[in-house]
């Protein structure tokens, strides 16, 4: 990566609607390499990571860090640990999830790598244990699925939480940032613009949900049809997750009420 010679990435061969071109698996360090996220357990993916380690002058993989426990980010972690002998880390909130972790981390913890130090930034919303990793000396942030290089992140209930997600986005504005290195898509060169874009997008969707309710659309599928008119129908089931997440937030705030599968706006939400 230009200006970041000690950081490389190997993209997993798992392209799709949700993963874009595939999951970005990052490698950082000089001789002892730290890997952030391992998507696939396939020999092709593990070999590709190990070849990238050799190409950057690395002698071994020392640590594996996971942004979160969705399969497209942790699915190959145990396989890489077995091949490389690396120590595997995971959010303390997810300790034991994979069954082979060596250490756990939480908000504010620091993790040294060969050439620098990462700070753990707990960013719940997409997933309750989601963590970003901040490299202060280069002012970069490994964002996992919290922020993507293109498009927006799905917030899948019940573990996904829209109120927490918005709070986690606001939290990033407090960091000194030059670049975001996302779990999917290209590097983000305008971090504050992207963060604000994400916040604005979610608030726009929230207004759209409230407007749909005012217009008499009381179920999640019918709301998706009127809100996501520019989204392919194949993605409507995914859009339902985000609408549900918005509704859960609004119900918690007392602006919407739920009866069975129907939602209605309250006087407070009018």
C-alpha atoms as a PDB file:
ATOM      1  CA  UNK A   1       0.000   0.000   0.000  1.00  0.00           C
ATOM      2  CA  UNK A   2       1.369   3.402  -0.969  1.00  0.00           C
ATOM      3  CA  UNK A   3       2.930   5.090   2.040  1.00  0.00           C
ATOM      4  CA  UNK A   4       2.254   2.008   4.180  1.00  0.00           C
ATOM      5  CA  UNK A   5       5.036  -0.351   3.181  1.00  0.00           C
ATOM      6  CA  UNK A   6       4.645  -2.415   6.340  1.00  0.00           C
ATOM      7  CA  UNK A   7       0.993  -3.177   5.547  1.00  0.00           C
ATOM      8  CA  UNK A   8      -0.329  -5.423   2.813  1.00  0.00           C
ATOM      9  CA  UNK A   9      -3.563  -7.236   2.171  1.00  0.00           C
ATOM     10  CA  UNK A  10      -4.658 -10.445   0.555  1.00  0.00           C
ATOM     11  CA  UNK A  11      -8.241 -10.516  -0.670  1.00  0.00           C
ATOM     12  CA  UNK A  12     -10.174 -13.703  -0.005  1.00  0.00           C
ATOM     13  CA  UNK A  13     -11.904 -15.358  -2.960  1.00  0.00           C
ATOM     14  CA  UNK A  14     -15.397 -14.833  -1.539  1.00  0.00           C
ATOM     15  CA  UNK A  15     -17.010 -12.140  -3.702  1.00  0.00           C
ATOM     16  CA  UNK A  16     -20.719 -11.425  -3.335  1.00  0.00           C
ATOM     17  CA  UNK A  17     -23.419  -8.858  -2.614  1.00  0.00           C
ATOM     18  CA  UNK A  18     -22.359  -8.639   1.025  1.00  0.00           C
ATOM     19  CA  UNK A  19     -18.591  -9.066   0.615  1.00  0.00           C
ATOM     20  CA  UNK A  20     -18.096  -6.949  -2.543  1.00  0.00           C
ATOM     21  CA  UNK A  21     -14.910  -8.174  -4.266  1.00  0.00           C
ATOM     22  CA  UNK A  22     -14.084 -10.305  -1.226  1.00  0.00           C
ATOM     23  CA  UNK A  23     -12.840  -9.913   2.338  1.00  0.00           C
ATOM     24  CA  UNK A  24      -9.695  -7.839   2.828  1.00  0.00           C
ATOM     25  CA  UNK A  25      -7.267  -9.760   5.053  1.00  0.00           C
ATOM     26  CA  UNK A  26      -4.537  -7.415   6.262  1.00  0.00           C
ATOM     27  CA  UNK A  27      -0.929  -8.232   7.091  1.00  0.00           C
ATOM     28  CA  UNK A  28       1.239  -5.802   9.026  1.00  0.00           C
ATOM     29  CA  UNK A  29       4.737  -5.860  10.404  1.00  0.00           C
ATOM     30  CA  UNK A  30       8.297  -6.490   9.314  1.00  0.00           C
ATOM     31  CA  UNK A  31       9.528  -9.965  10.231  1.00  0.00           C
ATOM     32  CA  UNK A  32       6.899 -11.044  12.768  1.00  0.00           C
ATOM     33  CA  UNK A  33       3.580 -10.476  10.983  1.00  0.00           C
ATOM     34  CA  UNK A  34       0.184  -9.733  12.487  1.00  0.00           C
ATOM     35  CA  UNK A  35      -2.850 -10.691  10.409  1.00  0.00           C
ATOM     36  CA  UNK A  36      -6.210  -8.934  10.748  1.00  0.00           C
ATOM     37  CA  UNK A  37      -9.145 -11.189   9.800  1.00  0.00           C
ATOM     38  CA  UNK A  38      -9.000 -14.545   8.011  1.00  0.00           C
ATOM     39  CA  UNK A  39     -12.054 -15.234   5.883  1.00  0.00           C
ATOM     40  CA  UNK A  40     -11.663 -18.719   4.466  1.00  0.00           C
ATOM     41  CA  UNK A  41     -10.106 -21.967   5.734  1.00  0.00           C
ATOM     42  CA  UNK A  42      -9.362 -23.194   2.189  1.00  0.00           C
ATOM     43  CA  UNK A  43      -5.775 -24.172   1.334  1.00  0.00           C
ATOM     44  CA  UNK A  44      -5.812 -21.550  -1.438  1.00  0.00           C
ATOM     45  CA  UNK A  45      -6.583 -18.747   1.001  1.00  0.00           C
ATOM     46  CA  UNK A  46      -4.153 -19.866   3.681  1.00  0.00           C
ATOM     47  CA  UNK A  47      -1.417 -20.395   1.072  1.00  0.00           C
ATOM     48  CA  UNK A  48      -2.104 -16.924  -0.334  1.00  0.00           C
ATOM     49  CA  UNK A  49      -1.675 -15.302   3.070  1.00  0.00           C
ATOM     50  CA  UNK A  50       1.549 -17.207   3.729  1.00  0.00           C
ATOM     51  CA  UNK A  51       2.901 -16.246   0.295  1.00  0.00           C
ATOM     52  CA  UNK A  52       2.103 -12.604   1.025  1.00  0.00           C
ATOM     53  CA  UNK A  53       4.009 -12.886   4.316  1.00  0.00           C
ATOM     54  CA  UNK A  54       7.059 -14.138   2.432  1.00  0.00           C
ATOM     55  CA  UNK A  55       6.724 -11.439  -0.230  1.00  0.00           C
ATOM     56  CA  UNK A  56       6.809  -8.660   2.399  1.00  0.00           C
ATOM     57  CA  UNK A  57       9.912 -10.114   4.057  1.00  0.00           C
ATOM     58  CA  UNK A  58       8.127 -11.712   6.964  1.00  0.00           C
ATOM     59  CA  UNK A  59       9.626 -14.680   8.776  1.00  0.00           C
ATOM     60  CA  UNK A  60       6.527 -15.841  10.635  1.00  0.00           C
ATOM     61  CA  UNK A  61       2.953 -14.965  11.535  1.00  0.00           C
ATOM     62  CA  UNK A  62       2.993 -13.963  15.183  1.00  0.00           C
ATOM     63  CA  UNK A  63      -0.626 -12.914  15.832  1.00  0.00           C
ATOM     64  CA  UNK A  64      -4.065 -13.177  14.282  1.00  0.00           C
ATOM     65  CA  UNK A  65      -6.628 -10.518  15.236  1.00  0.00           C
ATOM     66  CA  UNK A  66     -10.329 -10.636  14.430  1.00  0.00           C
ATOM     67  CA  UNK A  67     -12.541  -7.597  13.975  1.00  0.00           C
ATOM     68  CA  UNK A  68     -15.629  -9.722  14.634  1.00  0.00           C
ATOM     69  CA  UNK A  69     -17.013 -13.238  14.497  1.00  0.00           C
ATOM     70  CA  UNK A  70     -19.003 -13.235  11.273  1.00  0.00           C
ATOM     71  CA  UNK A  71     -17.864 -16.139   9.128  1.00  0.00           C
ATOM     72  CA  UNK A  72     -16.438 -14.014   6.305  1.00  0.00           C
ATOM     73  CA  UNK A  73     -13.942 -12.534   8.790  1.00  0.00           C
ATOM     74  CA  UNK A  74     -13.110 -15.407  11.128  1.00  0.00           C
ATOM     75  CA  UNK A  75     -13.868 -18.527   9.067  1.00  0.00           C
ATOM     76  CA  UNK A  76     -10.211 -19.275   8.341  1.00  0.00           C
ATOM     77  CA  UNK A  77      -8.686 -18.156  11.632  1.00  0.00           C
ATOM     78  CA  UNK A  78      -8.212 -21.600  13.148  1.00  0.00           C
ATOM     79  CA  UNK A  79      -6.803 -22.975   9.890  1.00  0.00           C
ATOM     80  CA  UNK A  80      -4.193 -20.197   9.712  1.00  0.00           C
ATOM     81  CA  UNK A  81      -3.370 -20.647  13.394  1.00  0.00           C
ATOM     82  CA  UNK A  82      -2.781 -24.356  12.798  1.00  0.00           C
ATOM     83  CA  UNK A  83      -0.565 -23.769   9.748  1.00  0.00           C
ATOM     84  CA  UNK A  84       1.443 -20.894  11.179  1.00  0.00           C
ATOM     85  CA  UNK A  85       1.529 -21.440  14.942  1.00  0.00           C
ATOM     86  CA  UNK A  86       0.316 -17.872  15.474  1.00  0.00           C
ATOM     87  CA  UNK A  87      -1.499 -16.741  18.615  1.00  0.00           C
ATOM     88  CA  UNK A  88      -5.178 -16.016  17.948  1.00  0.00           C
ATOM     89  CA  UNK A  89      -6.958 -13.059  19.518  1.00  0.00           C
ATOM     90  CA  UNK A  90     -10.656 -12.224  19.752  1.00  0.00           C
ATOM     91  CA  UNK A  91     -12.929  -9.673  21.397  1.00  0.00           C
ATOM     92  CA  UNK A  92     -13.331 -10.412  25.101  1.00  0.00           C
ATOM     93  CA  UNK A  93     -17.104 -10.364  24.540  1.00  0.00           C
ATOM     94  CA  UNK A  94     -16.671 -13.325  22.167  1.00  0.00           C
ATOM     95  CA  UNK A  95     -14.054 -15.287  24.089  1.00  0.00           C
ATOM     96  CA  UNK A  96     -14.530 -19.006  23.471  1.00  0.00           C
ATOM     97  CA  UNK A  97     -16.581 -18.484  20.317  1.00  0.00           C
ATOM     98  CA  UNK A  98     -14.103 -20.309  18.072  1.00  0.00           C
ATOM     99  CA  UNK A  99     -12.693 -22.570  20.738  1.00  0.00           C
ATOM    100  CA  UNK A 100      -9.021 -21.973  19.961  1.00  0.00           C
ATOM    101  CA  UNK A 101      -8.294 -18.412  21.038  1.00  0.00           C
ATOM    102  CA  UNK A 102      -5.094 -17.577  22.897  1.00  0.00           C
ATOM    103  CA  UNK A 103      -5.910 -14.084  24.149  1.00  0.00           C
ATOM    104  CA  UNK A 104      -8.763 -11.586  24.243  1.00  0.00           C
ATOM    105  CA  UNK A 105      -9.007  -7.800  24.000  1.00  0.00           C
ATOM    106  CA  UNK A 106     -11.462  -5.030  24.719  1.00  0.00           C
ATOM    107  CA  UNK A 107     -11.851  -1.257  24.444  1.00  0.00           C
ATOM    108  CA  UNK A 108      -8.605   0.652  24.998  1.00  0.00           C
ATOM    109  CA  UNK A 109      -6.306  -2.362  25.006  1.00  0.00           C
ATOM    110  CA  UNK A 110      -3.055  -2.044  23.058  1.00  0.00           C
ATOM    111  CA  UNK A 111      -1.578  -4.792  20.917  1.00  0.00           C
ATOM    112  CA  UNK A 112       2.041  -4.522  19.806  1.00  0.00           C
ATOM    113  CA  UNK A 113       3.108  -5.679  16.370  1.00  0.00           C
ATOM    114  CA  UNK A 114       6.540  -5.735  14.733  1.00  0.00           C
ATOM    115  CA  UNK A 115       6.828  -2.072  13.807  1.00  0.00           C
ATOM    116  CA  UNK A 116       4.115  -0.412  15.819  1.00  0.00           C
ATOM    117  CA  UNK A 117       1.149  -0.661  18.123  1.00  0.00           C
ATOM    118  CA  UNK A 118      -2.581  -1.078  17.630  1.00  0.00           C
ATOM    119  CA  UNK A 119      -5.259   0.267  19.929  1.00  0.00           C
ATOM    120  CA  UNK A 120      -8.528  -1.637  20.224  1.00  0.00           C
ATOM    121  CA  UNK A 121     -11.632   0.451  19.551  1.00  0.00           C
ATOM    122  CA  UNK A 122     -14.824  -1.394  20.477  1.00  0.00           C
ATOM    123  CA  UNK A 123     -17.417  -0.545  17.815  1.00  0.00           C
ATOM    124  CA  UNK A 124     -20.622  -2.507  18.477  1.00  0.00           C
ATOM    125  CA  UNK A 125     -23.536  -2.184  16.093  1.00  0.00           C
ATOM    126  CA  UNK A 126     -22.900  -4.492  13.159  1.00  0.00           C
ATOM    127  CA  UNK A 127     -21.942  -7.158  15.703  1.00  0.00           C
ATOM    128  CA  UNK A 128     -21.865  -6.719  19.478  1.00  0.00           C
ATOM    129  CA  UNK A 129     -18.209  -7.675  19.862  1.00  0.00           C
ATOM    130  CA  UNK A 130     -16.979  -5.800  16.792  1.00  0.00           C
ATOM    131  CA  UNK A 131     -13.623  -4.083  17.215  1.00  0.00           C
ATOM    132  CA  UNK A 132     -11.651  -1.757  14.980  1.00  0.00           C
ATOM    133  CA  UNK A 133      -7.875  -1.463  15.296  1.00  0.00           C
ATOM    134  CA  UNK A 134      -6.283   1.994  15.379  1.00  0.00           C
ATOM    135  CA  UNK A 135      -2.663   2.559  14.384  1.00  0.00           C
ATOM    136  CA  UNK A 136      -1.961   6.020  15.792  1.00  0.00           C
ATOM    137  CA  UNK A 137       1.501   6.569  14.306  1.00  0.00           C
ATOM    138  CA  UNK A 138       0.125   6.355  10.763  1.00  0.00           C
ATOM    139  CA  UNK A 139      -3.400   7.486  11.730  1.00  0.00           C
ATOM    140  CA  UNK A 140      -5.072   4.512  10.089  1.00  0.00           C
ATOM    141  CA  UNK A 141      -7.994   2.413  11.246  1.00  0.00           C
ATOM    142  CA  UNK A 142      -8.780  -1.182  10.329  1.00  0.00           C
ATOM    143  CA  UNK A 143     -12.570  -1.004  10.244  1.00  0.00           C
ATOM    144  CA  UNK A 144     -13.748  -4.558   9.544  1.00  0.00           C
ATOM    145  CA  UNK A 145     -17.445  -4.314   8.687  1.00  0.00           C
ATOM    146  CA  UNK A 146     -18.048  -1.153  10.703  1.00  0.00           C
ATOM    147  CA  UNK A 147     -17.313   0.935   7.613  1.00  0.00           C
ATOM    148  CA  UNK A 148     -16.888  -0.451   4.098  1.00  0.00           C
ATOM    149  CA  UNK A 149     -14.907   0.950   1.217  1.00  0.00           C
ATOM    150  CA  UNK A 150     -18.062   1.081  -0.887  1.00  0.00           C
ATOM    151  CA  UNK A 151     -21.742   0.886   0.023  1.00  0.00           C
ATOM    152  CA  UNK A 152     -23.099   0.612   3.547  1.00  0.00           C
ATOM    153  CA  UNK A 153     -23.054  -1.936   6.339  1.00  0.00           C
ATOM    154  CA  UNK A 154     -26.005  -4.132   7.246  1.00  0.00           C
ATOM    155  CA  UNK A 155     -27.099  -4.097  10.899  1.00  0.00           C
ATOM    156  CA  UNK A 156     -28.591  -7.573  11.483  1.00  0.00           C
ATOM    157  CA  UNK A 157     -30.789  -7.943  14.613  1.00  0.00           C
ATOM    158  CA  UNK A 158     -30.956  -9.228  17.221  1.00  0.00           C
ATOM    159  CA  UNK A 159     -27.212  -8.940  17.828  1.00  0.00           C
ATOM    160  CA  UNK A 160     -26.888  -5.928  15.545  1.00  0.00           C
ATOM    161  CA  UNK A 161     -28.006  -2.704  17.210  1.00  0.00           C
ATOM    162  CA  UNK A 162     -28.675   0.534  15.338  1.00  0.00           C
ATOM    163  CA  UNK A 163     -28.350   2.846  18.347  1.00  0.00           C
ATOM    164  CA  UNK A 164     -24.991   1.305  19.237  1.00  0.00           C
ATOM    165  CA  UNK A 165     -23.924   1.497  15.587  1.00  0.00           C
ATOM    166  CA  UNK A 166     -24.598   5.237  15.364  1.00  0.00           C
ATOM    167  CA  UNK A 167     -22.775   5.752  18.651  1.00  0.00           C
ATOM    168  CA  UNK A 168     -19.802   3.771  17.359  1.00  0.00           C
ATOM    169  CA  UNK A 169     -19.665   5.905  14.205  1.00  0.00           C
ATOM    170  CA  UNK A 170     -19.701   9.108  16.263  1.00  0.00           C
ATOM    171  CA  UNK A 171     -16.909   7.680  18.418  1.00  0.00           C
ATOM    172  CA  UNK A 172     -14.563   7.432  15.422  1.00  0.00           C
ATOM    173  CA  UNK A 173     -14.779  11.186  14.820  1.00  0.00           C
ATOM    174  CA  UNK A 174     -12.662  11.611  17.972  1.00  0.00           C
ATOM    175  CA  UNK A 175      -9.680   9.799  16.409  1.00  0.00           C
ATOM    176  CA  UNK A 176      -6.971  11.410  14.281  1.00  0.00           C
ATOM    177  CA  UNK A 177      -7.400   9.618  10.973  1.00  0.00           C
ATOM    178  CA  UNK A 178      -5.817   9.709   7.526  1.00  0.00           C
ATOM    179  CA  UNK A 179      -7.136   6.467   6.073  1.00  0.00           C
ATOM    180  CA  UNK A 180      -9.634   3.727   6.760  1.00  0.00           C
ATOM    181  CA  UNK A 181      -8.712   0.160   5.793  1.00  0.00           C
ATOM    182  CA  UNK A 182     -12.078  -1.607   5.474  1.00  0.00           C
ATOM    183  CA  UNK A 183     -12.961  -5.271   5.566  1.00  0.00           C
ATOM    184  CA  UNK A 184     -14.471  -4.988   2.086  1.00  0.00           C
ATOM    185  CA  UNK A 185     -13.845  -2.582  -0.766  1.00  0.00           C
ATOM    186  CA  UNK A 186     -11.105  -0.018  -1.411  1.00  0.00           C
ATOM    187  CA  UNK A 187      -9.117   2.071   1.049  1.00  0.00           C
ATOM    188  CA  UNK A 188     -10.997   5.166   2.226  1.00  0.00           C
ATOM    189  CA  UNK A 189      -8.840   8.291   1.761  1.00  0.00           C
ATOM    190  CA  UNK A 190     -11.395  10.724   3.264  1.00  0.00           C
ATOM    191  CA  UNK A 191     -12.151   9.111   6.631  1.00  0.00           C
ATOM    192  CA  UNK A 192     -14.173  11.920   8.201  1.00  0.00           C
ATOM    193  CA  UNK A 193     -16.204  12.412   5.037  1.00  0.00           C
ATOM    194  CA  UNK A 194     -16.995   8.693   4.956  1.00  0.00           C
ATOM    195  CA  UNK A 195     -17.917   8.544   8.658  1.00  0.00           C
ATOM    196  CA  UNK A 196     -20.244  11.529   8.305  1.00  0.00           C
ATOM    197  CA  UNK A 197     -21.701  10.022   5.129  1.00  0.00           C
ATOM    198  CA  UNK A 198     -22.509   6.849   7.080  1.00  0.00           C
ATOM    199  CA  UNK A 199     -24.131   8.787   9.919  1.00  0.00           C
ATOM    200  CA  UNK A 200     -26.165  10.899   7.494  1.00  0.00           C
ATOM    201  CA  UNK A 201     -27.249   7.794   5.594  1.00  0.00           C
ATOM    202  CA  UNK A 202     -28.542   6.074   8.722  1.00  0.00           C
ATOM    203  CA  UNK A 203     -30.422   9.162   9.878  1.00  0.00           C
ATOM    204  CA  UNK A 204     -31.929   9.465   6.402  1.00  0.00           C
ATOM    205  CA  UNK A 205     -33.086   5.847   6.572  1.00  0.00           C
ATOM    206  CA  UNK A 206     -34.582   6.477  10.002  1.00  0.00           C
ATOM    207  CA  UNK A 207     -36.591   9.400   8.622  1.00  0.00           C
ATOM    208  CA  UNK A 208     -37.709   7.205   5.733  1.00  0.00           C
ATOM    209  CA  UNK A 209     -38.917   4.501   8.141  1.00  0.00           C
ATOM    210  CA  UNK A 210     -40.956   7.051  10.085  1.00  0.00           C
ATOM    211  CA  UNK A 211     -42.391   8.460   6.860  1.00  0.00           C
ATOM    212  CA  UNK A 212     -43.360   4.973   5.659  1.00  0.00           C
ATOM    213  CA  UNK A 213     -45.219   4.424   8.918  1.00  0.00           C
ATOM    214  CA  UNK A 214     -47.053   7.742   8.501  1.00  0.00           C
ATOM    215  CA  UNK A 215     -48.091   6.639   5.018  1.00  0.00           C
ATOM    216  CA  UNK A 216     -49.658   3.448   6.355  1.00  0.00           C
ATOM    217  CA  UNK A 217     -46.921   0.870   5.756  1.00  0.00           C
ATOM    218  CA  UNK A 218     -46.904  -1.130   8.978  1.00  0.00           C
ATOM    219  CA  UNK A 219     -44.850  -4.262   8.225  1.00  0.00           C
ATOM    220  CA  UNK A 220     -41.152  -4.615   7.481  1.00  0.00           C
ATOM    221  CA  UNK A 221     -41.574  -6.103   3.962  1.00  0.00           C
ATOM    222  CA  UNK A 222     -43.923  -3.320   2.836  1.00  0.00           C
ATOM    223  CA  UNK A 223     -41.632  -0.674   4.302  1.00  0.00           C
ATOM    224  CA  UNK A 224     -38.673  -2.132   2.415  1.00  0.00           C
ATOM    225  CA  UNK A 225     -40.623  -1.953  -0.846  1.00  0.00           C
ATOM    226  CA  UNK A 226     -41.268   1.792  -0.519  1.00  0.00           C
ATOM    227  CA  UNK A 227     -37.933   2.764   1.043  1.00  0.00           C
ATOM    228  CA  UNK A 228     -35.508   0.689  -1.049  1.00  0.00           C
ATOM    229  CA  UNK A 229     -36.908   1.468  -4.495  1.00  0.00           C
ATOM    230  CA  UNK A 230     -33.393   1.815  -5.958  1.00  0.00           C
ATOM    231  CA  UNK A 231     -32.153  -1.477  -4.490  1.00  0.00           C
ATOM    232  CA  UNK A 232     -32.273  -4.770  -6.436  1.00  0.00           C
ATOM    233  CA  UNK A 233     -35.062  -7.049  -5.242  1.00  0.00           C
ATOM    234  CA  UNK A 234     -32.459  -9.728  -4.491  1.00  0.00           C
ATOM    235  CA  UNK A 235     -31.149  -7.500  -1.697  1.00  0.00           C
ATOM    236  CA  UNK A 236     -34.541  -6.755  -0.139  1.00  0.00           C
ATOM    237  CA  UNK A 237     -34.224  -9.601   2.398  1.00  0.00           C
ATOM    238  CA  UNK A 238     -30.954  -8.013   3.553  1.00  0.00           C
ATOM    239  CA  UNK A 239     -32.577  -4.556   3.648  1.00  0.00           C
ATOM    240  CA  UNK A 240     -35.216  -5.982   5.982  1.00  0.00           C
ATOM    241  CA  UNK A 241     -32.507  -6.487   8.614  1.00  0.00           C
ATOM    242  CA  UNK A 242     -31.625  -2.795   8.589  1.00  0.00           C
ATOM    243  CA  UNK A 243     -35.266  -1.682   8.657  1.00  0.00           C
ATOM    244  CA  UNK A 244     -35.850  -3.977  11.628  1.00  0.00           C
ATOM    245  CA  UNK A 245     -32.785  -2.505  13.346  1.00  0.00           C
ATOM    246  CA  UNK A 246     -34.129   1.010  12.837  1.00  0.00           C
ATOM    247  CA  UNK A 247     -37.520  -0.046  14.174  1.00  0.00           C
ATOM    248  CA  UNK A 248     -36.001  -1.655  17.264  1.00  0.00           C
ATOM    249  CA  UNK A 249     -34.199   1.602  17.988  1.00  0.00           C
ATOM    250  CA  UNK A 250     -37.383   3.635  17.497  1.00  0.00           C
ATOM    251  CA  UNK A 251     -39.411   1.276  19.693  1.00  0.00           C
ATOM    252  CA  UNK A 252     -36.788   1.563  22.431  1.00  0.00           C
ATOM    253  CA  UNK A 253     -37.020   5.368  22.172  1.00  0.00           C
ATOM    254  CA  UNK A 254     -40.819   5.263  22.430  1.00  0.00           C
ATOM    255  CA  UNK A 255     -41.311   6.763  18.973  1.00  0.00           C
ATOM    256  CA  UNK A 256     -42.770   3.557  17.505  1.00  0.00           C
ATOM    257  CA  UNK A 257     -44.787   0.718  19.010  1.00  0.00           C
ATOM    258  CA  UNK A 258     -45.024  -2.906  17.931  1.00  0.00           C
ATOM    259  CA  UNK A 259     -48.011  -5.257  18.013  1.00  0.00           C
ATOM    260  CA  UNK A 260     -47.217  -8.668  16.561  1.00  0.00           C
ATOM    261  CA  UNK A 261     -45.550  -8.043  13.205  1.00  0.00           C
ATOM    262  CA  UNK A 262     -47.097  -4.588  12.799  1.00  0.00           C
ATOM    263  CA  UNK A 263     -45.475  -1.311  13.737  1.00  0.00           C
ATOM    264  CA  UNK A 264     -47.160   2.031  14.364  1.00  0.00           C
ATOM    265  CA  UNK A 265     -45.875   5.499  15.020  1.00  0.00           C
ATOM    266  CA  UNK A 266     -46.573   6.965  18.455  1.00  0.00           C
ATOM    267  CA  UNK A 267     -47.398  10.605  19.280  1.00  0.00           C
ATOM    268  CA  UNK A 268     -43.777  10.966  20.384  1.00  0.00           C
ATOM    269  CA  UNK A 269     -42.602   9.872  16.940  1.00  0.00           C
ATOM    270  CA  UNK A 270     -44.956  12.124  14.996  1.00  0.00           C
END
